[in-house]
Amino acid sequence: MAKQIKPAPASKQKTTPSLKQNLPLFGKENYRWMLVGLVGILLGLLLMIGGKSKDPNVFDPSQVYSFRRITVAPILILAGLALEIVGIFKNPKAPKPQ
């Protein structure tokens, strides 16, 4: 037979909630940073769209290898990812105890 584990008596359990348990994981400022990062990532991806030639037999390197697609878009994506990291790791401000 399996051994049953009994719960600890109520007198031994902690009844006082700590202030840290009631804090949300992310605050408003965290969500703002993450939203700005997401917008940066999406803008970078949108800037990479395109480069299709009208004639499939003709290759135009200026369309595919443009400054916008090769330089600006990846920088925006990396900046957006950096802002996401800032938004995740930034500590939310704790409310003042009353």
PDB file of N, CA and C in Angstrom:
ATOM      1  N   MET A   1       0.835  -1.180   0.000  1.00  0.00           N
ATOM      2  CA  MET A   1       0.000   0.000   0.000  1.00  0.00           C
ATOM      3  C   MET A   1       0.877   1.241   0.000  1.00  0.00           C
ATOM      4  N   ALA A   2       0.377   2.261  -0.651  1.00  0.00           N
ATOM      5  CA  ALA A   2       1.111   3.526  -0.709  1.00  0.00           C
ATOM      6  C   ALA A   2       0.955   4.266   0.611  1.00  0.00           C
ATOM      7  N   LYS A   3       2.022   4.894   1.000  1.00  0.00           N
ATOM      8  CA  LYS A   3       2.016   5.637   2.250  1.00  0.00           C
ATOM      9  C   LYS A   3       1.351   6.999   2.020  1.00  0.00           C
ATOM     10  N   GLN A   4       0.369   7.339   2.839  1.00  0.00           N
ATOM     11  CA  GLN A   4      -0.334   8.600   2.696  1.00  0.00           C
ATOM     12  C   GLN A   4       0.375   9.679   3.507  1.00  0.00           C
ATOM     13  N   ILE A   5       0.490  10.829   2.896  1.00  0.00           N
ATOM     14  CA  ILE A   5       1.131  11.952   3.555  1.00  0.00           C
ATOM     15  C   ILE A   5       0.044  12.855   4.118  1.00  0.00           C
ATOM     16  N   LYS A   6       0.158  13.131   5.405  1.00  0.00           N
ATOM     17  CA  LYS A   6      -0.837  13.993   6.052  1.00  0.00           C
ATOM     18  C   LYS A   6      -0.385  15.443   5.959  1.00  0.00           C
ATOM     19  N   PRO A   7      -1.320  16.366   5.727  1.00  0.00           N
ATOM     20  CA  PRO A   7      -0.935  17.778   5.695  1.00  0.00           C
ATOM     21  C   PRO A   7      -0.532  18.259   7.088  1.00  0.00           C
ATOM     22  N   ALA A   8       0.283  19.274   7.118  1.00  0.00           N
ATOM     23  CA  ALA A   8       0.732  19.832   8.394  1.00  0.00           C
ATOM     24  C   ALA A   8      -0.450  20.456   9.112  1.00  0.00           C
ATOM     25  N   PRO A   9      -0.440  20.395  10.432  1.00  0.00           N
ATOM     26  CA  PRO A   9      -1.536  21.018  11.186  1.00  0.00           C
ATOM     27  C   PRO A   9      -1.615  22.518  10.894  1.00  0.00           C
ATOM     28  N   ALA A  10      -2.800  23.068  11.049  1.00  0.00           N
ATOM     29  CA  ALA A  10      -3.027  24.473  10.726  1.00  0.00           C
ATOM     30  C   ALA A  10      -2.172  25.396  11.580  1.00  0.00           C
ATOM     31  N   SER A  11      -1.825  24.987  12.766  1.00  0.00           N
ATOM     32  CA  SER A  11      -1.043  25.851  13.644  1.00  0.00           C
ATOM     33  C   SER A  11       0.397  26.010  13.149  1.00  0.00           C
ATOM     34  N   LYS A  12       0.903  25.077  12.361  1.00  0.00           N
ATOM     35  CA  LYS A  12       2.279  25.139  11.870  1.00  0.00           C
ATOM     36  C   LYS A  12       2.386  25.838  10.511  1.00  0.00           C
ATOM     37  N   GLN A  13       1.255  26.066   9.854  1.00  0.00           N
ATOM     38  CA  GLN A  13       1.285  26.714   8.552  1.00  0.00           C
ATOM     39  C   GLN A  13       1.403  28.220   8.727  1.00  0.00           C
ATOM     40  N   LYS A  14       2.054  28.868   7.770  1.00  0.00           N
ATOM     41  CA  LYS A  14       2.162  30.320   7.792  1.00  0.00           C
ATOM     42  C   LYS A  14       0.809  30.922   7.442  1.00  0.00           C
ATOM     43  N   THR A  15       0.370  31.857   8.240  1.00  0.00           N
ATOM     44  CA  THR A  15      -0.905  32.511   7.956  1.00  0.00           C
ATOM     45  C   THR A  15      -0.716  33.968   7.565  1.00  0.00           C
ATOM     46  N   THR A  16       0.464  34.520   7.798  1.00  0.00           N
ATOM     47  CA  THR A  16       0.694  35.920   7.455  1.00  0.00           C
ATOM     48  C   THR A  16       1.253  36.009   6.046  1.00  0.00           C
ATOM     49  N   PRO A  17       0.507  36.616   5.125  1.00  0.00           N
ATOM     50  CA  PRO A  17       1.034  36.757   3.761  1.00  0.00           C
ATOM     51  C   PRO A  17       2.111  37.831   3.726  1.00  0.00           C
ATOM     52  N   SER A  18       3.162  37.557   3.005  1.00  0.00           N
ATOM     53  CA  SER A  18       4.220  38.558   2.896  1.00  0.00           C
ATOM     54  C   SER A  18       3.857  39.555   1.799  1.00  0.00           C
ATOM     55  N   LEU A  19       4.430  40.732   1.871  1.00  0.00           N
ATOM     56  CA  LEU A  19       4.152  41.783   0.891  1.00  0.00           C
ATOM     57  C   LEU A  19       4.631  41.372  -0.494  1.00  0.00           C
ATOM     58  N   LYS A  20       5.708  40.607  -0.562  1.00  0.00           N
ATOM     59  CA  LYS A  20       6.284  40.204  -1.837  1.00  0.00           C
ATOM     60  C   LYS A  20       5.353  39.262  -2.608  1.00  0.00           C
ATOM     61  N   GLN A  21       4.559  38.469  -1.917  1.00  0.00           N
ATOM     62  CA  GLN A  21       3.662  37.533  -2.598  1.00  0.00           C
ATOM     63  C   GLN A  21       2.535  38.264  -3.322  1.00  0.00           C
ATOM     64  N   ASN A  22       2.168  39.440  -2.852  1.00  0.00           N
ATOM     65  CA  ASN A  22       1.040  40.149  -3.447  1.00  0.00           C
ATOM     66  C   ASN A  22       1.434  41.032  -4.617  1.00  0.00           C
ATOM     67  N   LEU A  23       2.712  41.165  -4.896  1.00  0.00           N
ATOM     68  CA  LEU A  23       3.150  42.000  -6.010  1.00  0.00           C
ATOM     69  C   LEU A  23       2.923  41.287  -7.339  1.00  0.00           C
ATOM     70  N   PRO A  24       2.460  42.018  -8.348  1.00  0.00           N
ATOM     71  CA  PRO A  24       2.343  41.393  -9.677  1.00  0.00           C
ATOM     72  C   PRO A  24       3.731  41.176 -10.278  1.00  0.00           C
ATOM     73  N   LEU A  25       3.817  40.252 -11.192  1.00  0.00           N
ATOM     74  CA  LEU A  25       5.093  39.939 -11.822  1.00  0.00           C
ATOM     75  C   LEU A  25       5.585  41.102 -12.683  1.00  0.00           C
ATOM     76  N   PHE A  26       4.696  41.709 -13.443  1.00  0.00           N
ATOM     77  CA  PHE A  26       5.037  42.848 -14.287  1.00  0.00           C
ATOM     78  C   PHE A  26       4.155  44.026 -13.935  1.00  0.00           C
ATOM     79  N   GLY A  27       4.721  45.211 -14.022  1.00  0.00           N
ATOM     80  CA  GLY A  27       3.958  46.428 -13.791  1.00  0.00           C
ATOM     81  C   GLY A  27       3.603  47.090 -15.113  1.00  0.00           C
ATOM     82  N   LYS A  28       2.947  48.260 -15.023  1.00  0.00           N
ATOM     83  CA  LYS A  28       2.555  48.981 -16.238  1.00  0.00           C
ATOM     84  C   LYS A  28       3.770  49.360 -17.076  1.00  0.00           C
ATOM     85  N   GLU A  29       4.817  49.783 -16.400  1.00  0.00           N
ATOM     86  CA  GLU A  29       6.021  50.207 -17.119  1.00  0.00           C
ATOM     87  C   GLU A  29       6.657  49.035 -17.871  1.00  0.00           C
ATOM     88  N   ASN A  30       6.618  47.849 -17.269  1.00  0.00           N
ATOM     89  CA  ASN A  30       7.153  46.666 -17.942  1.00  0.00           C
ATOM     90  C   ASN A  30       6.390  46.379 -19.235  1.00  0.00           C
ATOM     91  N   TYR A  31       5.070  46.458 -19.154  1.00  0.00           N
ATOM     92  CA  TYR A  31       4.258  46.193 -20.335  1.00  0.00           C
ATOM     93  C   TYR A  31       4.486  47.250 -21.417  1.00  0.00           C
ATOM     94  N   ARG A  32       4.721  48.493 -21.006  1.00  0.00           N
ATOM     95  CA  ARG A  32       5.021  49.537 -21.998  1.00  0.00           C
ATOM     96  C   ARG A  32       6.322  49.224 -22.732  1.00  0.00           C
ATOM     97  N   TRP A  33       7.369  48.870 -21.978  1.00  0.00           N
ATOM     98  CA  TRP A  33       8.651  48.528 -22.607  1.00  0.00           C
ATOM     99  C   TRP A  33       8.483  47.346 -23.559  1.00  0.00           C
ATOM    100  N   MET A  34       7.728  46.335 -23.124  1.00  0.00           N
ATOM    101  CA  MET A  34       7.540  45.162 -23.979  1.00  0.00           C
ATOM    102  C   MET A  34       6.720  45.501 -25.224  1.00  0.00           C
ATOM    103  N   LEU A  35       5.740  46.385 -25.096  1.00  0.00           N
ATOM    104  CA  LEU A  35       4.947  46.789 -26.255  1.00  0.00           C
ATOM    105  C   LEU A  35       5.799  47.571 -27.253  1.00  0.00           C
ATOM    106  N   VAL A  36       6.636  48.482 -26.744  1.00  0.00           N
ATOM    107  CA  VAL A  36       7.523  49.237 -27.638  1.00  0.00           C
ATOM    108  C   VAL A  36       8.499  48.286 -28.338  1.00  0.00           C
ATOM    109  N   GLY A  37       9.013  47.297 -27.614  1.00  0.00           N
ATOM    110  CA  GLY A  37       9.906  46.308 -28.221  1.00  0.00           C
ATOM    111  C   GLY A  37       9.208  45.500 -29.303  1.00  0.00           C
ATOM    112  N   LEU A  38       7.964  45.121 -29.044  1.00  0.00           N
ATOM    113  CA  LEU A  38       7.203  44.362 -30.033  1.00  0.00           C
ATOM    114  C   LEU A  38       6.944  45.196 -31.288  1.00  0.00           C
ATOM    115  N   VAL A  39       6.646  46.464 -31.103  1.00  0.00           N
ATOM    116  CA  VAL A  39       6.441  47.355 -32.257  1.00  0.00           C
ATOM    117  C   VAL A  39       7.734  47.478 -33.065  1.00  0.00           C
ATOM    118  N   GLY A  40       8.871  47.592 -32.377  1.00  0.00           N
ATOM    119  CA  GLY A  40      10.158  47.655 -33.072  1.00  0.00           C
ATOM    120  C   GLY A  40      10.444  46.400 -33.882  1.00  0.00           C
ATOM    121  N   ILE A  41      10.156  45.246 -33.300  1.00  0.00           N
ATOM    122  CA  ILE A  41      10.369  43.981 -34.019  1.00  0.00           C
ATOM    123  C   ILE A  41       9.463  43.901 -35.242  1.00  0.00           C
ATOM    124  N   LEU A  42       8.188  44.228 -35.060  1.00  0.00           N
ATOM    125  CA  LEU A  42       7.250  44.169 -36.187  1.00  0.00           C
ATOM    126  C   LEU A  42       7.614  45.165 -37.283  1.00  0.00           C
ATOM    127  N   LEU A  43       8.050  46.364 -36.901  1.00  0.00           N
ATOM    128  CA  LEU A  43       8.461  47.349 -37.900  1.00  0.00           C
ATOM    129  C   LEU A  43       9.678  46.852 -38.680  1.00  0.00           C
ATOM    130  N   GLY A  44      10.631  46.226 -37.990  1.00  0.00           N
ATOM    131  CA  GLY A  44      11.797  45.667 -38.675  1.00  0.00           C
ATOM    132  C   GLY A  44      11.405  44.570 -39.654  1.00  0.00           C
ATOM    133  N   LEU A  45      10.473  43.729 -39.243  1.00  0.00           N
ATOM    134  CA  LEU A  45      10.020  42.662 -40.149  1.00  0.00           C
ATOM    135  C   LEU A  45       9.272  43.233 -41.349  1.00  0.00           C
ATOM    136  N   LEU A  46       8.480  44.267 -41.117  1.00  0.00           N
ATOM    137  CA  LEU A  46       7.759  44.891 -42.238  1.00  0.00           C
ATOM    138  C   LEU A  46       8.725  45.542 -43.228  1.00  0.00           C
ATOM    139  N   LEU A  47       9.817  46.102 -42.715  1.00  0.00           N
ATOM    140  CA  LEU A  47      10.791  46.718 -43.614  1.00  0.00           C
ATOM    141  C   LEU A  47      11.536  45.686 -44.464  1.00  0.00           C
ATOM    142  N   MET A  48      11.563  44.449 -44.032  1.00  0.00           N
ATOM    143  CA  MET A  48      12.231  43.394 -44.811  1.00  0.00           C
ATOM    144  C   MET A  48      11.358  42.848 -45.939  1.00  0.00           C
ATOM    145  N   ILE A  49      10.075  43.135 -45.897  1.00  0.00           N
ATOM    146  CA  ILE A  49       9.149  42.582 -46.898  1.00  0.00           C
ATOM    147  C   ILE A  49       9.461  43.171 -48.273  1.00  0.00           C
ATOM    148  N   GLY A  50       9.315  42.368 -49.272  1.00  0.00           N
ATOM    149  CA  GLY A  50       9.438  42.844 -50.649  1.00  0.00           C
ATOM    150  C   GLY A  50      10.687  42.331 -51.324  1.00  0.00           C
ATOM    151  N   GLY A  51      11.053  42.996 -52.414  1.00  0.00           N
ATOM    152  CA  GLY A  51      12.231  42.610 -53.168  1.00  0.00           C
ATOM    153  C   GLY A  51      11.930  41.684 -54.322  1.00  0.00           C
ATOM    154  N   LYS A  52      10.638  41.483 -54.607  1.00  0.00           N
ATOM    155  CA  LYS A  52      10.269  40.591 -55.702  1.00  0.00           C
ATOM    156  C   LYS A  52      10.320  41.355 -57.023  1.00  0.00           C
ATOM    157  N   SER A  53      10.895  40.719 -58.018  1.00  0.00           N
ATOM    158  CA  SER A  53      10.996  41.324 -59.333  1.00  0.00           C
ATOM    159  C   SER A  53       9.723  41.045 -60.133  1.00  0.00           C
ATOM    160  N   LYS A  54       9.359  41.971 -60.983  1.00  0.00           N
ATOM    161  CA  LYS A  54       8.177  41.767 -61.831  1.00  0.00           C
ATOM    162  C   LYS A  54       8.418  40.658 -62.855  1.00  0.00           C
ATOM    163  N   ASP A  55       9.640  40.581 -63.327  1.00  0.00           N
ATOM    164  CA  ASP A  55      10.013  39.550 -64.296  1.00  0.00           C
ATOM    165  C   ASP A  55      10.871  38.507 -63.580  1.00  0.00           C
ATOM    166  N   PRO A  56      10.432  37.243 -63.498  1.00  0.00           N
ATOM    167  CA  PRO A  56      11.198  36.235 -62.770  1.00  0.00           C
ATOM    168  C   PRO A  56      12.552  35.909 -63.415  1.00  0.00           C
ATOM    169  N   ASN A  57      12.757  36.305 -64.662  1.00  0.00           N
ATOM    170  CA  ASN A  57      14.034  36.030 -65.332  1.00  0.00           C
ATOM    171  C   ASN A  57      15.074  37.119 -65.090  1.00  0.00           C
ATOM    172  N   VAL A  58      14.671  38.205 -64.432  1.00  0.00           N
ATOM    173  CA  VAL A  58      15.580  39.329 -64.207  1.00  0.00           C
ATOM    174  C   VAL A  58      15.848  39.447 -62.709  1.00  0.00           C
ATOM    175  N   PHE A  59      17.133  39.504 -62.354  1.00  0.00           N
ATOM    176  CA  PHE A  59      17.521  39.681 -60.948  1.00  0.00           C
ATOM    177  C   PHE A  59      18.042  41.099 -60.763  1.00  0.00           C
ATOM    178  N   ASP A  60      17.391  41.841 -59.876  1.00  0.00           N
ATOM    179  CA  ASP A  60      17.802  43.208 -59.587  1.00  0.00           C
ATOM    180  C   ASP A  60      18.364  43.254 -58.160  1.00  0.00           C
ATOM    181  N   PRO A  61      19.694  43.295 -58.009  1.00  0.00           N
ATOM    182  CA  PRO A  61      20.277  43.284 -56.663  1.00  0.00           C
ATOM    183  C   PRO A  61      19.944  44.522 -55.833  1.00  0.00           C
ATOM    184  N   SER A  62      19.602  45.635 -56.484  1.00  0.00           N
ATOM    185  CA  SER A  62      19.278  46.841 -55.722  1.00  0.00           C
ATOM    186  C   SER A  62      17.974  46.677 -54.943  1.00  0.00           C
ATOM    187  N   GLN A  63      17.076  45.812 -55.410  1.00  0.00           N
ATOM    188  CA  GLN A  63      15.832  45.559 -54.683  1.00  0.00           C
ATOM    189  C   GLN A  63      16.070  44.615 -53.507  1.00  0.00           C
ATOM    190  N   VAL A  64      16.805  43.561 -53.731  1.00  0.00           N
ATOM    191  CA  VAL A  64      17.020  42.555 -52.693  1.00  0.00           C
ATOM    192  C   VAL A  64      18.007  43.037 -51.645  1.00  0.00           C
ATOM    193  N   TYR A  65      19.082  43.663 -52.062  1.00  0.00           N
ATOM    194  CA  TYR A  65      20.143  44.074 -51.147  1.00  0.00           C
ATOM    195  C   TYR A  65      20.087  45.572 -50.858  1.00  0.00           C
ATOM    196  N   SER A  66      18.911  46.086 -50.634  1.00  0.00           N
ATOM    197  CA  SER A  66      18.792  47.525 -50.364  1.00  0.00           C
ATOM    198  C   SER A  66      19.232  47.818 -48.924  1.00  0.00           C
ATOM    199  N   PHE A  67      19.604  49.065 -48.682  1.00  0.00           N
ATOM    200  CA  PHE A  67      20.058  49.504 -47.360  1.00  0.00           C
ATOM    201  C   PHE A  67      18.972  49.265 -46.314  1.00  0.00           C
ATOM    202  N   ARG A  68      17.739  49.456 -46.708  1.00  0.00           N
ATOM    203  CA  ARG A  68      16.612  49.278 -45.789  1.00  0.00           C
ATOM    204  C   ARG A  68      16.501  47.828 -45.323  1.00  0.00           C
ATOM    205  N   ARG A  69      16.637  46.870 -46.237  1.00  0.00           N
ATOM    206  CA  ARG A  69      16.474  45.449 -45.899  1.00  0.00           C
ATOM    207  C   ARG A  69      17.703  44.844 -45.227  1.00  0.00           C
ATOM    208  N   ILE A  70      18.877  45.313 -45.570  1.00  0.00           N
ATOM    209  CA  ILE A  70      20.107  44.708 -45.072  1.00  0.00           C
ATOM    210  C   ILE A  70      20.599  45.372 -43.793  1.00  0.00           C
ATOM    211  N   THR A  71      20.313  46.656 -43.597  1.00  0.00           N
ATOM    212  CA  THR A  71      20.875  47.369 -42.448  1.00  0.00           C
ATOM    213  C   THR A  71      19.810  47.840 -41.468  1.00  0.00           C
ATOM    214  N   VAL A  72      18.846  48.604 -41.939  1.00  0.00           N
ATOM    215  CA  VAL A  72      17.878  49.242 -41.049  1.00  0.00           C
ATOM    216  C   VAL A  72      16.977  48.207 -40.374  1.00  0.00           C
ATOM    217  N   ALA A  73      16.428  47.278 -41.134  1.00  0.00           N
ATOM    218  CA  ALA A  73      15.494  46.304 -40.579  1.00  0.00           C
ATOM    219  C   ALA A  73      16.139  45.418 -39.501  1.00  0.00           C
ATOM    220  N   PRO A  74      17.315  44.835 -39.727  1.00  0.00           N
ATOM    221  CA  PRO A  74      17.915  44.029 -38.656  1.00  0.00           C
ATOM    222  C   PRO A  74      18.255  44.840 -37.404  1.00  0.00           C
ATOM    223  N   ILE A  75      18.659  46.106 -37.578  1.00  0.00           N
ATOM    224  CA  ILE A  75      18.946  46.945 -36.412  1.00  0.00           C
ATOM    225  C   ILE A  75      17.669  47.186 -35.611  1.00  0.00           C
ATOM    226  N   LEU A  76      16.557  47.425 -36.287  1.00  0.00           N
ATOM    227  CA  LEU A  76      15.286  47.616 -35.590  1.00  0.00           C
ATOM    228  C   LEU A  76      14.852  46.349 -34.860  1.00  0.00           C
ATOM    229  N   ILE A  77      15.050  45.210 -35.475  1.00  0.00           N
ATOM    230  CA  ILE A  77      14.672  43.946 -34.838  1.00  0.00           C
ATOM    231  C   ILE A  77      15.521  43.709 -33.593  1.00  0.00           C
ATOM    232  N   LEU A  78      16.818  43.923 -33.685  1.00  0.00           N
ATOM    233  CA  LEU A  78      17.688  43.731 -32.522  1.00  0.00           C
ATOM    234  C   LEU A  78      17.378  44.740 -31.418  1.00  0.00           C
ATOM    235  N   ALA A  79      17.074  45.970 -31.793  1.00  0.00           N
ATOM    236  CA  ALA A  79      16.693  46.971 -30.796  1.00  0.00           C
ATOM    237  C   ALA A  79      15.382  46.579 -30.116  1.00  0.00           C
ATOM    238  N   GLY A  80      14.449  46.049 -30.885  1.00  0.00           N
ATOM    239  CA  GLY A  80      13.187  45.577 -30.311  1.00  0.00           C
ATOM    240  C   GLY A  80      13.404  44.427 -29.349  1.00  0.00           C
ATOM    241  N   LEU A  81      14.286  43.515 -29.693  1.00  0.00           N
ATOM    242  CA  LEU A  81      14.597  42.406 -28.781  1.00  0.00           C
ATOM    243  C   LEU A  81      15.266  42.913 -27.507  1.00  0.00           C
ATOM    244  N   ALA A  82      16.132  43.903 -27.644  1.00  0.00           N
ATOM    245  CA  ALA A  82      16.774  44.483 -26.456  1.00  0.00           C
ATOM    246  C   ALA A  82      15.733  45.150 -25.558  1.00  0.00           C
ATOM    247  N   LEU A  83      14.764  45.837 -26.150  1.00  0.00           N
ATOM    248  CA  LEU A  83      13.707  46.458 -25.355  1.00  0.00           C
ATOM    249  C   LEU A  83      12.817  45.421 -24.679  1.00  0.00           C
ATOM    250  N   GLU A  84      12.621  44.304 -25.323  1.00  0.00           N
ATOM    251  CA  GLU A  84      11.874  43.204 -24.696  1.00  0.00           C
ATOM    252  C   GLU A  84      12.603  42.710 -23.454  1.00  0.00           C
ATOM    253  N   ILE A  85      13.906  42.556 -23.556  1.00  0.00           N
ATOM    254  CA  ILE A  85      14.702  42.099 -22.406  1.00  0.00           C
ATOM    255  C   ILE A  85      14.634  43.128 -21.283  1.00  0.00           C
ATOM    256  N   VAL A  86      14.726  44.408 -21.629  1.00  0.00           N
ATOM    257  CA  VAL A  86      14.612  45.459 -20.609  1.00  0.00           C
ATOM    258  C   VAL A  86      13.246  45.391 -19.940  1.00  0.00           C
ATOM    259  N   GLY A  87      12.208  45.223 -20.722  1.00  0.00           N
ATOM    260  CA  GLY A  87      10.858  45.151 -20.178  1.00  0.00           C
ATOM    261  C   GLY A  87      10.647  43.965 -19.266  1.00  0.00           C
ATOM    262  N   ILE A  88      11.295  42.865 -19.560  1.00  0.00           N
ATOM    263  CA  ILE A  88      11.132  41.662 -18.737  1.00  0.00           C
ATOM    264  C   ILE A  88      11.920  41.783 -17.437  1.00  0.00           C
ATOM    265  N   PHE A  89      13.135  42.285 -17.515  1.00  0.00           N
ATOM    266  CA  PHE A  89      13.997  42.294 -16.338  1.00  0.00           C
ATOM    267  C   PHE A  89      13.859  43.537 -15.467  1.00  0.00           C
ATOM    268  N   LYS A  90      13.153  44.555 -15.923  1.00  0.00           N
ATOM    269  CA  LYS A  90      12.994  45.767 -15.128  1.00  0.00           C
ATOM    270  C   LYS A  90      12.092  45.449 -13.937  1.00  0.00           C
ATOM    271  N   ASN A  91      12.534  45.842 -12.739  1.00  0.00           N
ATOM    272  CA  ASN A  91      11.756  45.567 -11.535  1.00  0.00           C
ATOM    273  C   ASN A  91      10.554  46.487 -11.458  1.00  0.00           C
ATOM    274  N   PRO A  92       9.376  45.910 -11.198  1.00  0.00           N
ATOM    275  CA  PRO A  92       8.210  46.780 -11.018  1.00  0.00           C
ATOM    276  C   PRO A  92       8.334  47.525  -9.697  1.00  0.00           C
ATOM    277  N   LYS A  93       7.808  48.722  -9.672  1.00  0.00           N
ATOM    278  CA  LYS A  93       7.858  49.511  -8.446  1.00  0.00           C
ATOM    279  C   LYS A  93       6.887  48.937  -7.422  1.00  0.00           C
ATOM    280  N   ALA A  94       7.376  48.712  -6.224  1.00  0.00           N
ATOM    281  CA  ALA A  94       6.544  48.147  -5.176  1.00  0.00           C
ATOM    282  C   ALA A  94       5.639  49.234  -4.590  1.00  0.00           C
ATOM    283  N   PRO A  95       4.374  48.895  -4.333  1.00  0.00           N
ATOM    284  CA  PRO A  95       3.504  49.876  -3.700  1.00  0.00           C
ATOM    285  C   PRO A  95       3.934  50.108  -2.254  1.00  0.00           C
ATOM    286  N   LYS A  96       3.724  51.323  -1.786  1.00  0.00           N
ATOM    287  CA  LYS A  96       4.109  51.650  -0.414  1.00  0.00           C
ATOM    288  C   LYS A  96       3.141  50.998   0.554  1.00  0.00           C
ATOM    289  N   PRO A  97       3.660  50.347   1.618  1.00  0.00           N
ATOM    290  CA  PRO A  97       2.753  49.734   2.592  1.00  0.00           C
ATOM    291  C   PRO A  97       1.999  50.812   3.369  1.00  0.00           C
ATOM    292  N   GLN A  98       0.749  50.503   3.692  1.00  0.00           N
ATOM    293  CA  GLN A  98      -0.075  51.487   4.404  1.00  0.00           C
ATOM    294  C   GLN A  98      -0.098  51.218   5.878  1.00  0.00           C
TER     295      GLN A  98
END
